[in-house]
């Protein structure tokens, strides 16, 4: 496996702040807007955005976590069952402007599943998509992000890994991994 740093820590911080400012331009005070992080990795982006928006605006934007496990189109096709994550949506989406958040946009299938899953919480007035990384040229479905941290040209044999600062990493960084043929998974559906 070959590992290449594509977003160093300093750029990562700039990217989060830029995305927060782009959201402010569109959503102003967030009085009718909510953030939904897609489980499992989009919740880290959602939490960081909520924290950054609070630092800038002084308001706490309603933020929830959305599990898409049972809405995935490959749910019954896997040899091992998927384990669901916790959904935490403690507010109605009825008439709200929803910002779906994920770390990496790959085939678009996770976003399609999220659109199905969120309808259980009300009919939003508008839905936007925010991603840290848009893996261009890999889409299976016609889905495009409204807000993008960075676009990356990648192959199906590569993977994008977002590493968050914590016990396992001293910094927030993003890597592009090139897998060997033995490491490659069948065409992923993230």
Protein backbone atom coordinates (compact mmCIF):
# COMPACT_ATOMS: atom_id res chain seq x y z
CA UNK A 1 0.00 0.00 0.00
CA UNK A 2 1.24 3.45 -0.93
CA UNK A 3 0.10 6.35 1.28
CA UNK A 4 0.25 9.97 0.08
CA UNK A 5 -0.71 13.02 2.18
CA UNK A 6 -3.19 15.11 0.17
CA UNK A 7 -4.45 17.49 2.89
CA UNK A 8 -1.97 18.44 5.64
CA UNK A 9 -3.17 19.69 9.04
CA UNK A 10 -2.89 23.44 8.29
CA UNK A 11 -4.87 23.09 5.05
CA UNK A 12 -7.44 20.87 6.81
CA UNK A 13 -8.14 23.66 9.33
CA UNK A 14 -8.46 26.25 6.55
CA UNK A 15 -10.82 23.93 4.65
CA UNK A 16 -13.16 23.51 7.65
CA UNK A 17 -13.28 27.29 8.26
CA UNK A 18 -13.89 27.99 4.54
CA UNK A 19 -16.76 25.49 4.46
CA UNK A 20 -18.23 27.08 7.61
CA UNK A 21 -18.07 30.54 6.01
CA UNK A 22 -19.70 29.23 2.82
CA UNK A 23 -22.54 27.83 4.94
CA UNK A 24 -22.92 31.18 6.73
CA UNK A 25 -23.22 32.97 3.37
CA UNK A 26 -26.15 30.74 2.43
CA UNK A 27 -27.82 29.99 5.78
CA UNK A 28 -27.14 33.28 7.68
CA UNK A 29 -28.22 32.60 11.29
CA UNK A 30 -29.26 28.94 10.72
CA UNK A 31 -32.70 29.59 12.23
CA UNK A 32 -34.33 27.24 9.70
CA UNK A 33 -31.27 25.07 8.91
CA UNK A 34 -29.92 21.84 10.43
CA UNK A 35 -26.83 19.71 9.91
CA UNK A 36 -27.10 15.93 9.49
CA UNK A 37 -23.87 13.93 9.64
CA UNK A 38 -23.95 10.57 7.84
CA UNK A 39 -22.89 7.68 10.06
CA UNK A 40 -20.22 6.61 10.61
CA UNK A 41 -17.60 9.16 9.46
CA UNK A 42 -19.71 12.15 8.48
CA UNK A 43 -20.54 12.78 12.13
CA UNK A 44 -16.97 13.96 12.79
CA UNK A 45 -17.26 16.54 9.99
CA UNK A 46 -20.70 17.61 11.28
CA UNK A 47 -19.42 18.05 14.84
CA UNK A 48 -16.40 20.06 13.68
CA UNK A 49 -18.61 22.28 11.51
CA UNK A 50 -21.03 22.84 14.40
CA UNK A 51 -18.10 23.78 16.66
CA UNK A 52 -16.60 26.14 14.07
CA UNK A 53 -19.97 27.79 13.36
CA UNK A 54 -20.44 28.32 17.11
CA UNK A 55 -17.00 29.97 17.33
CA UNK A 56 -17.79 32.31 14.42
CA UNK A 57 -21.50 33.08 15.02
CA UNK A 58 -22.01 32.32 18.70
CA UNK A 59 -25.03 30.13 17.91
CA UNK A 60 -25.41 26.36 18.22
CA UNK A 61 -26.68 24.88 14.99
CA UNK A 62 -28.99 21.88 15.42
CA UNK A 63 -26.93 18.84 14.47
CA UNK A 64 -27.91 15.20 14.19
CA UNK A 65 -26.48 11.84 13.13
CA UNK A 66 -28.20 9.78 10.43
CA UNK A 67 -27.71 6.04 10.02
CA UNK A 68 -28.26 4.79 6.46
CA UNK A 69 -27.54 1.07 6.97
CA UNK A 70 -31.04 -0.25 6.19
CA UNK A 71 -31.48 2.13 3.24
CA UNK A 72 -28.36 1.03 1.36
CA UNK A 73 -28.95 -0.70 -1.99
CA UNK A 74 -26.33 -3.33 -1.12
CA UNK A 75 -27.77 -4.13 2.32
CA UNK A 76 -28.93 -7.66 1.43
CA UNK A 77 -26.12 -8.37 -1.04
CA UNK A 78 -23.26 -8.55 1.45
CA UNK A 79 -21.82 -11.83 2.69
CA UNK A 80 -21.55 -10.43 6.22
CA UNK A 81 -24.37 -8.36 7.71
CA UNK A 82 -23.83 -4.65 8.25
CA UNK A 83 -23.99 -3.41 11.82
CA UNK A 84 -26.20 -0.33 12.15
CA UNK A 85 -24.98 2.85 13.84
CA UNK A 86 -26.99 5.05 16.16
CA UNK A 87 -29.30 7.61 14.62
CA UNK A 88 -29.59 10.79 16.65
CA UNK A 89 -32.08 13.21 15.13
CA UNK A 90 -33.83 14.96 18.01
CA UNK A 91 -35.72 17.45 15.86
CA UNK A 92 -38.13 17.44 12.94
CA UNK A 93 -36.82 18.05 9.43
CA UNK A 94 -40.23 19.31 8.32
CA UNK A 95 -39.73 22.53 6.33
CA UNK A 96 -36.05 22.77 7.33
CA UNK A 97 -33.03 23.40 5.14
CA UNK A 98 -30.95 20.27 5.66
CA UNK A 99 -27.19 20.13 5.15
CA UNK A 100 -26.18 16.47 4.71
CA UNK A 101 -22.52 16.05 5.71
CA UNK A 102 -20.06 13.28 4.90
CA UNK A 103 -16.30 12.98 4.78
CA UNK A 104 -15.86 11.54 1.26
CA UNK A 105 -18.18 11.51 -1.76
CA UNK A 106 -17.37 8.44 -3.83
CA UNK A 107 -20.09 6.63 -5.80
CA UNK A 108 -23.03 8.66 -4.47
CA UNK A 109 -24.86 5.60 -3.13
CA UNK A 110 -24.50 6.62 0.54
CA UNK A 111 -26.05 9.99 -0.24
CA UNK A 112 -28.94 8.31 -2.07
CA UNK A 113 -29.51 6.12 0.99
CA UNK A 114 -29.37 9.19 3.25
CA UNK A 115 -32.05 10.92 1.20
CA UNK A 116 -34.32 7.91 1.78
CA UNK A 117 -33.45 7.64 5.49
CA UNK A 118 -34.04 11.27 6.38
CA UNK A 119 -37.63 11.31 5.08
CA UNK A 120 -38.58 9.44 8.27
CA UNK A 121 -37.93 12.69 10.16
CA UNK A 122 -40.04 15.02 8.02
CA UNK A 123 -40.08 16.59 4.58
CA UNK A 124 -37.29 19.18 4.29
CA UNK A 125 -37.72 22.38 2.34
CA UNK A 126 -34.25 21.96 0.82
CA UNK A 127 -31.35 19.50 0.99
CA UNK A 128 -27.71 20.37 0.35
CA UNK A 129 -24.62 18.15 0.48
CA UNK A 130 -21.30 19.08 2.08
CA UNK A 131 -18.23 16.81 1.79
CA UNK A 132 -14.58 17.22 2.73
CA UNK A 133 -13.37 15.27 -0.31
CA UNK A 134 -15.11 14.75 -3.66
CA UNK A 135 -13.59 11.79 -5.48
CA UNK A 136 -14.27 12.97 -9.00
CA UNK A 137 -15.00 10.58 -11.87
CA UNK A 138 -16.16 7.75 -9.57
CA UNK A 139 -19.87 8.46 -9.36
CA UNK A 140 -22.40 5.70 -10.00
CA UNK A 141 -25.34 8.05 -9.46
CA UNK A 142 -25.88 11.67 -10.60
CA UNK A 143 -25.12 13.21 -7.19
CA UNK A 144 -23.01 16.33 -6.71
CA UNK A 145 -21.91 18.16 -3.56
CA UNK A 146 -23.10 21.71 -2.93
CA UNK A 147 -20.04 22.43 -0.77
CA UNK A 148 -16.69 20.69 -1.28
CA UNK A 149 -13.48 20.95 0.70
CA UNK A 150 -11.30 19.54 -2.08
CA UNK A 151 -11.74 17.56 -5.29
CA UNK A 152 -9.46 14.59 -5.86
CA UNK A 153 -8.86 12.60 -9.02
CA UNK A 154 -8.70 8.98 -7.93
CA UNK A 155 -8.99 5.43 -9.20
CA UNK A 156 -11.23 2.66 -7.89
CA UNK A 157 -8.04 0.99 -6.60
CA UNK A 158 -7.44 3.96 -4.29
CA UNK A 159 -9.07 4.98 -1.04
CA UNK A 160 -9.30 8.33 0.74
CA UNK A 161 -8.71 8.19 4.48
CA UNK A 162 -9.64 11.12 6.73
CA UNK A 163 -7.71 10.97 10.01
CA UNK A 164 -9.02 13.05 12.90
CA UNK A 165 -6.83 14.41 15.67
CA UNK A 166 -7.06 12.15 18.70
CA UNK A 167 -5.36 9.20 20.38
CA UNK A 168 -4.42 7.62 17.03
CA UNK A 169 -3.26 10.79 15.27
CA UNK A 170 -1.60 14.01 16.45
CA UNK A 171 -3.27 16.03 13.65
CA UNK A 172 -6.27 16.21 11.32
CA UNK A 173 -5.03 15.07 7.90
CA UNK A 174 -6.30 13.38 4.74
CA UNK A 175 -4.46 10.59 2.91
CA UNK A 176 -4.82 9.00 -0.51
CA UNK A 177 -4.07 5.27 -0.27
CA UNK A 178 -3.18 3.19 -3.31
CA UNK A 179 -4.03 -0.42 -2.57
CA UNK A 180 -2.33 -3.49 -3.94
CA UNK A 181 -4.56 -5.91 -5.89
CA UNK A 182 -4.75 -8.19 -2.82
CA UNK A 183 -5.97 -5.30 -0.62
CA UNK A 184 -8.60 -4.06 -3.05
CA UNK A 185 -12.21 -4.57 -2.06
CA UNK A 186 -14.89 -5.26 -4.64
CA UNK A 187 -16.28 -2.02 -6.06
CA UNK A 188 -17.22 -0.14 -2.88
CA UNK A 189 -20.50 1.72 -2.56
CA UNK A 190 -19.68 4.59 -0.23
